[in-house]
Amino acid sequence: MRALVIGGSGFIGSHLVDALLARGMSVRVCDRAKERFRETPPQVDFRQCSFDDSAALAEALQDVDCVYHLVSTAVPSTSNLDPVADINGNLVGTVRLLELMREAGVKRMVYLSSGGTVYGIPQTDPVPETHPERPISSYGIVKTAIEKYLLMEQHLHGLQPVILRASNPYGSRQGHGGVQGVIGTFLHRLANGEPVKVWGDGSVVRDFIHVSDLAALCADCATNDAIGIFNAGSGTGASIREIIEVIGGVSGQSLDVTYEPGRDFDVPRVVLDIGKVKQVCGWSPQVGLADGVAETWGWVQDQNS
């Protein structure tokens, strides 16, 4: 089986590539650049192209059995600054990709959506897939719209979509620019002796999933019979204050924390109900928070040595 991973050089994509190769699959990657933190594995058929390059994507779709769509040109904290760019870069680009897949006869797509933004402010805890979709950021609105297009494509043209509403992934090879990925950002700042900034009082709760668990689930979806929408998280929550405590325990060091006013697009608490994905896909997370933070801290230290 051959998989095309669009965005395969990124944080999640690079781990997915590893998981697919470990399962004996042929892997083709389309991305704007090669991997940042290591050499792209030699077995990978790497194609350098942007998400809006229809000709390159059409060529990459030849002889492919499954497409992984991991590309996002925005993050929750920046999407509201330019919603038009978010729509053009992500929604329009995905609709174009679906047309290209239809022309190439590719039926299977695994799409990485967002379990933290499509639901908005949760009315239940934990949050099941049946929860109303009430996003409060352009990022979440666009993710929701893409999901609807995939389901429409399923109804009209036989697409076999797996939509994974991922929580907050963390682990090795995650960038640390500060716009996304609180665990990685905090660890990199700690390693460099820099303070960390917390929006609000640290009570915001998120569901954190180690990237290896998310990559394993994604890889399984190339060959299982799952179709539809699935939450992909740990099923447990941790506040930012708890993350700071775990980091202190793992590293033996104290973070220098500055608290800033909260942001209006930050949902107070999101913990995903993962019962459906456990039942349908036979998957469950294997890496606990402390072990995952320890693994990430070791990688960060290696990067800074």
C-alpha atoms as a PDB file:
ATOM      1  CA  MET A   1       0.000   0.000   0.000  1.00  0.00           C
ATOM      2  CA  ARG A   2       1.211   3.506  -0.837  1.00  0.00           C
ATOM      3  CA  ALA A   3       0.348   6.527   1.280  1.00  0.00           C
ATOM      4  CA  LEU A   4       0.659  10.180   0.346  1.00  0.00           C
ATOM      5  CA  VAL A   5       1.323  12.383   3.367  1.00  0.00           C
ATOM      6  CA  ILE A   6       0.627  16.034   2.611  1.00  0.00           C
ATOM      7  CA  GLY A   7       2.536  17.893   5.295  1.00  0.00           C
ATOM      8  CA  GLY A   8       4.764  14.907   5.983  1.00  0.00           C
ATOM      9  CA  SER A   9       7.822  16.964   6.894  1.00  0.00           C
ATOM     10  CA  GLY A  10       6.141  18.598   9.871  1.00  0.00           C
ATOM     11  CA  PHE A  11       5.940  17.630  13.510  1.00  0.00           C
ATOM     12  CA  ILE A  12       3.063  15.164  13.315  1.00  0.00           C
ATOM     13  CA  GLY A  13       3.807  14.232   9.714  1.00  0.00           C
ATOM     14  CA  SER A  14       7.355  13.088  10.413  1.00  0.00           C
ATOM     15  CA  HIS A  15       6.147  10.758  13.164  1.00  0.00           C
ATOM     16  CA  LEU A  16       3.380   9.477  10.904  1.00  0.00           C
ATOM     17  CA  VAL A  17       5.977   8.722   8.227  1.00  0.00           C
ATOM     18  CA  ASP A  18       7.886   6.645  10.786  1.00  0.00           C
ATOM     19  CA  ALA A  19       4.736   4.761  11.769  1.00  0.00           C
ATOM     20  CA  LEU A  20       3.800   4.027   8.147  1.00  0.00           C
ATOM     21  CA  LEU A  21       7.291   2.826   7.277  1.00  0.00           C
ATOM     22  CA  ALA A  22       7.291   0.601  10.361  1.00  0.00           C
ATOM     23  CA  ARG A  23       4.108  -1.023   8.990  1.00  0.00           C
ATOM     24  CA  GLY A  24       5.832  -1.765   5.691  1.00  0.00           C
ATOM     25  CA  MET A  25       3.980   0.844   3.652  1.00  0.00           C
ATOM     26  CA  SER A  26       5.395   2.863   0.768  1.00  0.00           C
ATOM     27  CA  VAL A  27       5.375   6.543   1.658  1.00  0.00           C
ATOM     28  CA  ARG A  28       5.303   9.632  -0.528  1.00  0.00           C
ATOM     29  CA  VAL A  29       5.527  13.071   1.082  1.00  0.00           C
ATOM     30  CA  CYS A  30       4.445  16.425  -0.309  1.00  0.00           C
ATOM     31  CA  ASP A  31       5.660  19.419   1.649  1.00  0.00           C
ATOM     32  CA  ARG A  32       7.228  22.827   1.133  1.00  0.00           C
ATOM     33  CA  ALA A  33      10.545  21.687   2.598  1.00  0.00           C
ATOM     34  CA  LYS A  34      12.283  18.629   3.961  1.00  0.00           C
ATOM     35  CA  GLU A  35      12.218  17.832   7.640  1.00  0.00           C
ATOM     36  CA  ARG A  36      13.652  20.430   9.975  1.00  0.00           C
ATOM     37  CA  PHE A  37      15.110  18.306  12.762  1.00  0.00           C
ATOM     38  CA  ARG A  38      16.483  15.320  10.847  1.00  0.00           C
ATOM     39  CA  GLU A  39      17.128  13.984   7.367  1.00  0.00           C
ATOM     40  CA  THR A  40      14.023  12.728   5.599  1.00  0.00           C
ATOM     41  CA  PRO A  41      14.180   8.895   5.679  1.00  0.00           C
ATOM     42  CA  PRO A  42      15.736   7.603   2.447  1.00  0.00           C
ATOM     43  CA  GLN A  43      12.802   5.256   1.757  1.00  0.00           C
ATOM     44  CA  VAL A  44      10.464   8.243   1.388  1.00  0.00           C
ATOM     45  CA  ASP A  45       9.505   9.554  -2.044  1.00  0.00           C
ATOM     46  CA  PHE A  46       9.758  13.257  -1.211  1.00  0.00           C
ATOM     47  CA  ARG A  47       8.082  15.835  -3.457  1.00  0.00           C
ATOM     48  CA  GLN A  48       8.737  19.491  -2.675  1.00  0.00           C
ATOM     49  CA  CYS A  49       5.585  21.476  -3.374  1.00  0.00           C
ATOM     50  CA  SER A  50       3.138  23.845  -1.735  1.00  0.00           C
ATOM     51  CA  PHE A  51      -0.467  23.010  -0.957  1.00  0.00           C
ATOM     52  CA  ASP A  52      -1.710  25.319  -3.708  1.00  0.00           C
ATOM     53  CA  ASP A  53       0.359  23.615  -6.441  1.00  0.00           C
ATOM     54  CA  SER A  54      -2.391  21.615  -8.129  1.00  0.00           C
ATOM     55  CA  ALA A  55      -0.146  20.192 -10.832  1.00  0.00           C
ATOM     56  CA  ALA A  56       2.342  18.800  -8.324  1.00  0.00           C
ATOM     57  CA  LEU A  57      -0.417  17.383  -6.132  1.00  0.00           C
ATOM     58  CA  ALA A  58      -2.095  15.751  -9.116  1.00  0.00           C
ATOM     59  CA  GLU A  59       1.177  14.043 -10.016  1.00  0.00           C
ATOM     60  CA  ALA A  60       1.770  12.966  -6.419  1.00  0.00           C
ATOM     61  CA  LEU A  61      -1.682  11.352  -6.274  1.00  0.00           C
ATOM     62  CA  GLN A  62      -0.827   8.825  -8.973  1.00  0.00           C
ATOM     63  CA  ASP A  63      -0.789   5.201  -7.721  1.00  0.00           C
ATOM     64  CA  VAL A  64      -1.752   6.250  -4.189  1.00  0.00           C
ATOM     65  CA  ASP A  65      -4.113   4.251  -1.953  1.00  0.00           C
ATOM     66  CA  CYS A  66      -4.535   6.668   0.944  1.00  0.00           C
ATOM     67  CA  VAL A  67      -4.061  10.408   1.409  1.00  0.00           C
ATOM     68  CA  TYR A  68      -3.145  11.987   4.724  1.00  0.00           C
ATOM     69  CA  HIS A  69      -4.083  15.655   4.895  1.00  0.00           C
ATOM     70  CA  LEU A  70      -2.057  17.234   7.713  1.00  0.00           C
ATOM     71  CA  VAL A  71      -1.508  20.692   6.239  1.00  0.00           C
ATOM     72  CA  SER A  72      -2.746  23.816   7.986  1.00  0.00           C
ATOM     73  CA  THR A  73      -1.556  27.287   7.075  1.00  0.00           C
ATOM     74  CA  ALA A  74      -2.936  28.810  10.296  1.00  0.00           C
ATOM     75  CA  VAL A  75      -3.080  28.139  14.037  1.00  0.00           C
ATOM     76  CA  PRO A  76      -5.858  29.074  16.478  1.00  0.00           C
ATOM     77  CA  SER A  77      -4.016  32.054  17.935  1.00  0.00           C
ATOM     78  CA  THR A  78      -3.347  33.677  14.541  1.00  0.00           C
ATOM     79  CA  SER A  79      -6.278  32.599  12.357  1.00  0.00           C
ATOM     80  CA  ASN A  80      -8.543  35.486  13.413  1.00  0.00           C
ATOM     81  CA  LEU A  81      -5.931  38.005  12.277  1.00  0.00           C
ATOM     82  CA  ASP A  82      -6.563  37.085   8.629  1.00  0.00           C
ATOM     83  CA  PRO A  83      -9.636  34.864   8.183  1.00  0.00           C
ATOM     84  CA  VAL A  84      -9.567  35.347   4.399  1.00  0.00           C
ATOM     85  CA  ALA A  85      -6.081  33.855   4.218  1.00  0.00           C
ATOM     86  CA  ASP A  86      -7.232  31.017   6.455  1.00  0.00           C
ATOM     87  CA  ILE A  87     -10.153  30.287   4.130  1.00  0.00           C
ATOM     88  CA  ASN A  88      -8.089  30.553   0.942  1.00  0.00           C
ATOM     89  CA  GLY A  89      -5.147  28.580   2.244  1.00  0.00           C
ATOM     90  CA  ASN A  90      -7.016  25.775   3.964  1.00  0.00           C
ATOM     91  CA  LEU A  91     -10.659  25.477   2.907  1.00  0.00           C
ATOM     92  CA  VAL A  92     -10.206  26.336  -0.782  1.00  0.00           C
ATOM     93  CA  GLY A  93      -7.044  24.252  -0.922  1.00  0.00           C
ATOM     94  CA  THR A  94      -8.803  21.218   0.523  1.00  0.00           C
ATOM     95  CA  VAL A  95     -11.755  21.482  -1.865  1.00  0.00           C
ATOM     96  CA  ARG A  96      -9.240  21.594  -4.716  1.00  0.00           C
ATOM     97  CA  LEU A  97      -7.486  18.520  -3.283  1.00  0.00           C
ATOM     98  CA  LEU A  98     -10.773  16.607  -3.160  1.00  0.00           C
ATOM     99  CA  GLU A  99     -11.336  17.345  -6.845  1.00  0.00           C
ATOM    100  CA  LEU A 100      -7.849  16.071  -7.655  1.00  0.00           C
ATOM    101  CA  MET A 101      -8.420  12.910  -5.608  1.00  0.00           C
ATOM    102  CA  ARG A 102     -11.670  12.284  -7.453  1.00  0.00           C
ATOM    103  CA  GLU A 103      -9.895  12.627 -10.799  1.00  0.00           C
ATOM    104  CA  ALA A 104      -7.143  10.254  -9.649  1.00  0.00           C
ATOM    105  CA  GLY A 105      -9.606   7.705  -8.278  1.00  0.00           C
ATOM    106  CA  VAL A 106      -8.255   7.878  -4.727  1.00  0.00           C
ATOM    107  CA  LYS A 107     -11.008   7.117  -2.209  1.00  0.00           C
ATOM    108  CA  ARG A 108      -9.317   7.038   1.202  1.00  0.00           C
ATOM    109  CA  MET A 109      -8.440  10.202   3.137  1.00  0.00           C
ATOM    110  CA  VAL A 110      -7.350  10.683   6.730  1.00  0.00           C
ATOM    111  CA  TYR A 111      -7.839  14.305   7.724  1.00  0.00           C
ATOM    112  CA  LEU A 112      -6.364  15.837  10.856  1.00  0.00           C
ATOM    113  CA  SER A 113      -9.018  18.136  12.258  1.00  0.00           C
ATOM    114  CA  SER A 114      -9.112  19.790  15.675  1.00  0.00           C
ATOM    115  CA  GLY A 115     -10.649  18.473  18.871  1.00  0.00           C
ATOM    116  CA  GLY A 116      -9.839  21.654  20.702  1.00  0.00           C
ATOM    117  CA  THR A 117     -11.524  24.240  18.455  1.00  0.00           C
ATOM    118  CA  VAL A 118     -14.428  22.736  16.490  1.00  0.00           C
ATOM    119  CA  TYR A 119     -16.591  22.294  19.586  1.00  0.00           C
ATOM    120  CA  GLY A 120     -16.189  25.802  20.977  1.00  0.00           C
ATOM    121  CA  ILE A 121     -16.930  26.110  24.688  1.00  0.00           C
ATOM    122  CA  PRO A 122     -17.954  22.579  25.727  1.00  0.00           C
ATOM    123  CA  GLN A 123     -21.337  21.896  27.260  1.00  0.00           C
ATOM    124  CA  THR A 124     -20.305  18.441  28.441  1.00  0.00           C
ATOM    125  CA  ASP A 125     -17.159  16.978  29.966  1.00  0.00           C
ATOM    126  CA  PRO A 126     -15.646  14.997  28.374  1.00  0.00           C
ATOM    127  CA  VAL A 127     -16.678  16.087  24.881  1.00  0.00           C
ATOM    128  CA  PRO A 128     -18.105  13.421  22.527  1.00  0.00           C
ATOM    129  CA  GLU A 129     -18.159  13.634  18.741  1.00  0.00           C
ATOM    130  CA  THR A 130     -21.893  14.351  18.886  1.00  0.00           C
ATOM    131  CA  HIS A 131     -21.331  17.627  20.740  1.00  0.00           C
ATOM    132  CA  PRO A 132     -22.564  20.693  18.796  1.00  0.00           C
ATOM    133  CA  GLU A 133     -19.915  22.401  16.699  1.00  0.00           C
ATOM    134  CA  ARG A 134     -19.675  26.011  17.862  1.00  0.00           C
ATOM    135  CA  PRO A 135     -16.130  27.174  17.099  1.00  0.00           C
ATOM    136  CA  ILE A 136     -15.026  30.606  18.326  1.00  0.00           C
ATOM    137  CA  SER A 137     -11.990  31.034  16.060  1.00  0.00           C
ATOM    138  CA  SER A 138     -11.533  31.138  12.305  1.00  0.00           C
ATOM    139  CA  TYR A 139      -9.284  28.103  12.671  1.00  0.00           C
ATOM    140  CA  GLY A 140     -12.114  26.073  14.182  1.00  0.00           C
ATOM    141  CA  ILE A 141     -14.669  27.354  11.673  1.00  0.00           C
ATOM    142  CA  VAL A 142     -12.476  26.376   8.730  1.00  0.00           C
ATOM    143  CA  LYS A 143     -11.741  22.961  10.228  1.00  0.00           C
ATOM    144  CA  THR A 144     -15.484  22.397  10.634  1.00  0.00           C
ATOM    145  CA  ALA A 145     -16.166  23.499   7.056  1.00  0.00           C
ATOM    146  CA  ILE A 146     -13.504  21.130   5.725  1.00  0.00           C
ATOM    147  CA  GLU A 147     -15.095  18.279   7.656  1.00  0.00           C
ATOM    148  CA  LYS A 148     -18.437  19.062   6.004  1.00  0.00           C
ATOM    149  CA  TYR A 149     -16.873  19.010   2.543  1.00  0.00           C
ATOM    150  CA  LEU A 150     -15.321  15.616   3.245  1.00  0.00           C
ATOM    151  CA  LEU A 151     -18.669  14.235   4.353  1.00  0.00           C
ATOM    152  CA  MET A 152     -20.328  15.726   1.264  1.00  0.00           C
ATOM    153  CA  GLU A 153     -17.666  14.079  -0.895  1.00  0.00           C
ATOM    154  CA  GLN A 154     -18.430  10.795   0.841  1.00  0.00           C
ATOM    155  CA  HIS A 155     -22.131  11.142   0.063  1.00  0.00           C
ATOM    156  CA  LEU A 156     -21.745  12.275  -3.545  1.00  0.00           C
ATOM    157  CA  HIS A 157     -18.639  10.499  -4.785  1.00  0.00           C
ATOM    158  CA  GLY A 158     -17.808   7.639  -2.430  1.00  0.00           C
ATOM    159  CA  LEU A 159     -14.910   9.164  -0.511  1.00  0.00           C
ATOM    160  CA  GLN A 160     -13.905   7.103   2.538  1.00  0.00           C
ATOM    161  CA  PRO A 161     -12.961   9.818   5.028  1.00  0.00           C
ATOM    162  CA  VAL A 162     -11.491   9.393   8.483  1.00  0.00           C
ATOM    163  CA  ILE A 163     -11.676  12.697  10.337  1.00  0.00           C
ATOM    164  CA  LEU A 164      -9.513  12.730  13.453  1.00  0.00           C
ATOM    165  CA  ARG A 165     -10.341  15.542  15.849  1.00  0.00           C
ATOM    166  CA  ALA A 166      -6.976  15.624  17.561  1.00  0.00           C
ATOM    167  CA  SER A 167      -6.421  17.228  20.923  1.00  0.00           C
ATOM    168  CA  ASN A 168      -3.054  18.835  21.759  1.00  0.00           C
ATOM    169  CA  PRO A 169      -0.142  16.760  20.463  1.00  0.00           C
ATOM    170  CA  TYR A 170       3.339  17.131  21.911  1.00  0.00           C
ATOM    171  CA  GLY A 171       6.665  15.343  21.673  1.00  0.00           C
ATOM    172  CA  SER A 172       9.989  15.381  19.857  1.00  0.00           C
ATOM    173  CA  ARG A 173      10.427  17.398  16.632  1.00  0.00           C
ATOM    174  CA  GLN A 174       7.818  19.974  17.597  1.00  0.00           C
ATOM    175  CA  GLY A 175       8.709  23.562  16.786  1.00  0.00           C
ATOM    176  CA  HIS A 176       8.972  26.041  19.596  1.00  0.00           C
ATOM    177  CA  GLY A 177       7.985  29.375  18.119  1.00  0.00           C
ATOM    178  CA  GLY A 178       5.499  29.970  20.912  1.00  0.00           C
ATOM    179  CA  VAL A 179       2.320  30.152  18.797  1.00  0.00           C
ATOM    180  CA  GLN A 180       1.346  26.510  19.335  1.00  0.00           C
ATOM    181  CA  GLY A 181       2.511  23.611  21.471  1.00  0.00           C
ATOM    182  CA  VAL A 182       2.676  24.718  25.086  1.00  0.00           C
ATOM    183  CA  ILE A 183       4.702  21.744  26.342  1.00  0.00           C
ATOM    184  CA  GLY A 184       7.382  22.013  23.678  1.00  0.00           C
ATOM    185  CA  THR A 185       7.561  25.790  24.028  1.00  0.00           C
ATOM    186  CA  PHE A 186       7.904  25.613  27.804  1.00  0.00           C
ATOM    187  CA  LEU A 187      10.615  22.955  27.613  1.00  0.00           C
ATOM    188  CA  HIS A 188      12.659  24.849  25.044  1.00  0.00           C
ATOM    189  CA  ARG A 189      12.456  28.034  27.114  1.00  0.00           C
ATOM    190  CA  LEU A 190      13.480  26.140  30.224  1.00  0.00           C
ATOM    191  CA  ALA A 191      16.470  24.648  28.413  1.00  0.00           C
ATOM    192  CA  ASN A 192      17.540  28.146  27.319  1.00  0.00           C
ATOM    193  CA  GLY A 193      16.973  29.775  30.708  1.00  0.00           C
ATOM    194  CA  GLU A 194      14.114  31.897  29.377  1.00  0.00           C
ATOM    195  CA  PRO A 195      10.844  32.803  31.113  1.00  0.00           C
ATOM    196  CA  VAL A 196       7.516  31.402  29.922  1.00  0.00           C
ATOM    197  CA  LYS A 197       4.307  33.330  29.357  1.00  0.00           C
ATOM    198  CA  VAL A 198       0.939  31.991  30.490  1.00  0.00           C
ATOM    199  CA  TRP A 199      -2.283  33.544  29.213  1.00  0.00           C
ATOM    200  CA  GLY A 200      -4.656  33.784  32.167  1.00  0.00           C
ATOM    201  CA  ASP A 201      -4.114  32.207  35.577  1.00  0.00           C
ATOM    202  CA  GLY A 202      -3.016  28.781  34.334  1.00  0.00           C
ATOM    203  CA  SER A 203      -6.381  27.142  34.985  1.00  0.00           C
ATOM    204  CA  VAL A 204      -7.089  26.433  31.296  1.00  0.00           C
ATOM    205  CA  VAL A 205      -7.394  22.661  30.855  1.00  0.00           C
ATOM    206  CA  ARG A 206      -6.449  20.758  27.726  1.00  0.00           C
ATOM    207  CA  ASP A 207      -6.248  17.150  26.600  1.00  0.00           C
ATOM    208  CA  PHE A 208      -2.618  16.383  25.686  1.00  0.00           C
ATOM    209  CA  ILE A 209      -1.680  13.425  23.467  1.00  0.00           C
ATOM    210  CA  HIS A 210       1.840  12.225  22.779  1.00  0.00           C
ATOM    211  CA  VAL A 211       2.664  12.433  19.090  1.00  0.00           C
ATOM    212  CA  SER A 212       3.614   8.758  18.870  1.00  0.00           C
ATOM    213  CA  ASP A 213       0.095   7.778  19.962  1.00  0.00           C
ATOM    214  CA  LEU A 214      -1.501  10.097  17.412  1.00  0.00           C
ATOM    215  CA  ALA A 215       0.820   8.854  14.651  1.00  0.00           C
ATOM    216  CA  ALA A 216      -0.029   5.242  15.449  1.00  0.00           C
ATOM    217  CA  LEU A 217      -3.757   5.974  15.190  1.00  0.00           C
ATOM    218  CA  CYS A 218      -3.294   7.807  11.889  1.00  0.00           C
ATOM    219  CA  ALA A 219      -1.245   4.949  10.461  1.00  0.00           C
ATOM    220  CA  ASP A 220      -3.831   2.364  11.494  1.00  0.00           C
ATOM    221  CA  CYS A 221      -6.520   4.305   9.638  1.00  0.00           C
ATOM    222  CA  ALA A 222      -4.900   3.577   6.274  1.00  0.00           C
ATOM    223  CA  THR A 223      -5.935  -0.056   6.467  1.00  0.00           C
ATOM    224  CA  ASN A 224      -8.800  -0.360   8.951  1.00  0.00           C
ATOM    225  CA  ASP A 225     -12.488  -0.075   8.073  1.00  0.00           C
ATOM    226  CA  ALA A 226     -13.171   3.106  10.052  1.00  0.00           C
ATOM    227  CA  ILE A 227     -15.113   5.886   8.349  1.00  0.00           C
ATOM    228  CA  GLY A 228     -16.374   9.068   9.952  1.00  0.00           C
ATOM    229  CA  ILE A 229     -15.411  11.416  12.743  1.00  0.00           C
ATOM    230  CA  PHE A 230     -13.335  10.371  15.746  1.00  0.00           C
ATOM    231  CA  ASN A 231     -11.893  12.224  18.699  1.00  0.00           C
ATOM    232  CA  ALA A 232      -8.170  11.549  19.104  1.00  0.00           C
ATOM    233  CA  GLY A 233      -6.836  12.460  22.513  1.00  0.00           C
ATOM    234  CA  SER A 234      -5.764  11.051  25.839  1.00  0.00           C
ATOM    235  CA  GLY A 235      -9.244  11.281  27.333  1.00  0.00           C
ATOM    236  CA  THR A 236      -7.855  13.106  30.366  1.00  0.00           C
ATOM    237  CA  GLY A 237      -7.229  16.774  31.089  1.00  0.00           C
ATOM    238  CA  ALA A 238      -4.346  18.734  32.543  1.00  0.00           C
ATOM    239  CA  SER A 239      -4.254  22.426  33.394  1.00  0.00           C
ATOM    240  CA  ILE A 240      -1.381  24.659  32.383  1.00  0.00           C
ATOM    241  CA  ARG A 241      -0.401  24.841  36.044  1.00  0.00           C
ATOM    242  CA  GLU A 242      -0.277  21.040  36.161  1.00  0.00           C
ATOM    243  CA  ILE A 243       1.890  21.004  33.047  1.00  0.00           C
ATOM    244  CA  ILE A 244       4.290  23.398  34.766  1.00  0.00           C
ATOM    245  CA  GLU A 245       4.407  21.072  37.779  1.00  0.00           C
ATOM    246  CA  VAL A 246       5.066  18.010  35.609  1.00  0.00           C
ATOM    247  CA  ILE A 247       7.853  19.832  33.779  1.00  0.00           C
ATOM    248  CA  GLY A 248       9.404  20.804  37.100  1.00  0.00           C
ATOM    249  CA  GLY A 249       9.252  17.225  38.328  1.00  0.00           C
ATOM    250  CA  VAL A 250      10.735  15.775  35.147  1.00  0.00           C
ATOM    251  CA  SER A 251      13.487  18.362  34.722  1.00  0.00           C
ATOM    252  CA  GLY A 252      14.293  19.073  38.358  1.00  0.00           C
ATOM    253  CA  GLN A 253      14.117  22.775  37.505  1.00  0.00           C
ATOM    254  CA  SER A 254      11.616  25.554  38.136  1.00  0.00           C
ATOM    255  CA  LEU A 255      10.070  27.535  35.305  1.00  0.00           C
ATOM    256  CA  ASP A 256      10.138  31.316  35.463  1.00  0.00           C
ATOM    257  CA  VAL A 257       6.450  32.052  34.753  1.00  0.00           C
ATOM    258  CA  THR A 258       4.844  35.353  33.770  1.00  0.00           C
ATOM    259  CA  TYR A 259       1.036  35.499  33.810  1.00  0.00           C
ATOM    260  CA  GLU A 260      -0.679  37.677  31.215  1.00  0.00           C
ATOM    261  CA  PRO A 261      -4.390  38.563  30.786  1.00  0.00           C
ATOM    262  CA  GLY A 262      -6.472  35.735  29.310  1.00  0.00           C
ATOM    263  CA  ARG A 263      -7.462  35.673  25.639  1.00  0.00           C
ATOM    264  CA  ASP A 264     -11.090  35.640  24.513  1.00  0.00           C
ATOM    265  CA  PHE A 265     -10.592  32.769  22.049  1.00  0.00           C
ATOM    266  CA  ASP A 266      -9.143  30.398  24.657  1.00  0.00           C
ATOM    267  CA  VAL A 267     -11.733  27.784  25.639  1.00  0.00           C
ATOM    268  CA  PRO A 268     -11.539  27.224  29.423  1.00  0.00           C
ATOM    269  CA  ARG A 269     -11.583  23.422  29.359  1.00  0.00           C
ATOM    270  CA  VAL A 270     -11.570  20.777  26.631  1.00  0.00           C
ATOM    271  CA  VAL A 271     -11.193  17.070  27.376  1.00  0.00           C
ATOM    272  CA  LEU A 272     -12.162  14.634  24.634  1.00  0.00           C
ATOM    273  CA  ASP A 273     -14.297  11.536  24.998  1.00  0.00           C
ATOM    274  CA  ILE A 274     -12.305   8.840  23.162  1.00  0.00           C
ATOM    275  CA  GLY A 275     -14.714   5.949  23.671  1.00  0.00           C
ATOM    276  CA  LYS A 276     -15.720   5.831  20.000  1.00  0.00           C
ATOM    277  CA  VAL A 277     -12.199   5.577  18.587  1.00  0.00           C
ATOM    278  CA  LYS A 278     -11.325   2.897  21.135  1.00  0.00           C
ATOM    279  CA  GLN A 279     -14.319   0.828  20.130  1.00  0.00           C
ATOM    280  CA  VAL A 280     -14.196   1.279  16.346  1.00  0.00           C
ATOM    281  CA  CYS A 281     -10.436   1.426  15.761  1.00  0.00           C
ATOM    282  CA  GLY A 282      -9.223  -0.702  18.661  1.00  0.00           C
ATOM    283  CA  TRP A 283      -6.814   2.078  19.604  1.00  0.00           C
ATOM    284  CA  SER A 284      -5.949   3.633  22.927  1.00  0.00           C
ATOM    285  CA  PRO A 285      -3.146   5.991  23.989  1.00  0.00           C
ATOM    286  CA  GLN A 286      -0.068   4.322  25.439  1.00  0.00           C
ATOM    287  CA  VAL A 287       2.102   7.217  26.662  1.00  0.00           C
ATOM    288  CA  GLY A 288       1.219   8.915  29.947  1.00  0.00           C
ATOM    289  CA  LEU A 289       1.802  12.624  30.466  1.00  0.00           C
ATOM    290  CA  ALA A 290       4.845  12.350  32.735  1.00  0.00           C
ATOM    291  CA  ASP A 291       6.546   9.803  30.475  1.00  0.00           C
ATOM    292  CA  GLY A 292       5.726  11.860  27.390  1.00  0.00           C
ATOM    293  CA  VAL A 293       7.089  15.065  28.899  1.00  0.00           C
ATOM    294  CA  ALA A 294      10.234  13.189  29.973  1.00  0.00           C
ATOM    295  CA  GLU A 295      10.758  11.916  26.414  1.00  0.00           C
ATOM    296  CA  THR A 296      10.256  15.400  25.020  1.00  0.00           C
ATOM    297  CA  TRP A 297      12.588  16.950  27.597  1.00  0.00           C
ATOM    298  CA  GLY A 298      15.305  14.474  26.636  1.00  0.00           C
ATOM    299  CA  TRP A 299      14.942  15.434  22.982  1.00  0.00           C
ATOM    300  CA  VAL A 300      14.995  19.162  23.808  1.00  0.00           C
ATOM    301  CA  GLN A 301      18.184  18.706  25.798  1.00  0.00           C
ATOM    302  CA  ASP A 302      19.768  16.879  22.873  1.00  0.00           C
ATOM    303  CA  GLN A 303      18.811  19.794  20.610  1.00  0.00           C
ATOM    304  CA  ASN A 304      20.432  22.271  22.971  1.00  0.00           C
ATOM    305  CA  SER A 305      23.613  20.295  23.618  1.00  0.00           C
END
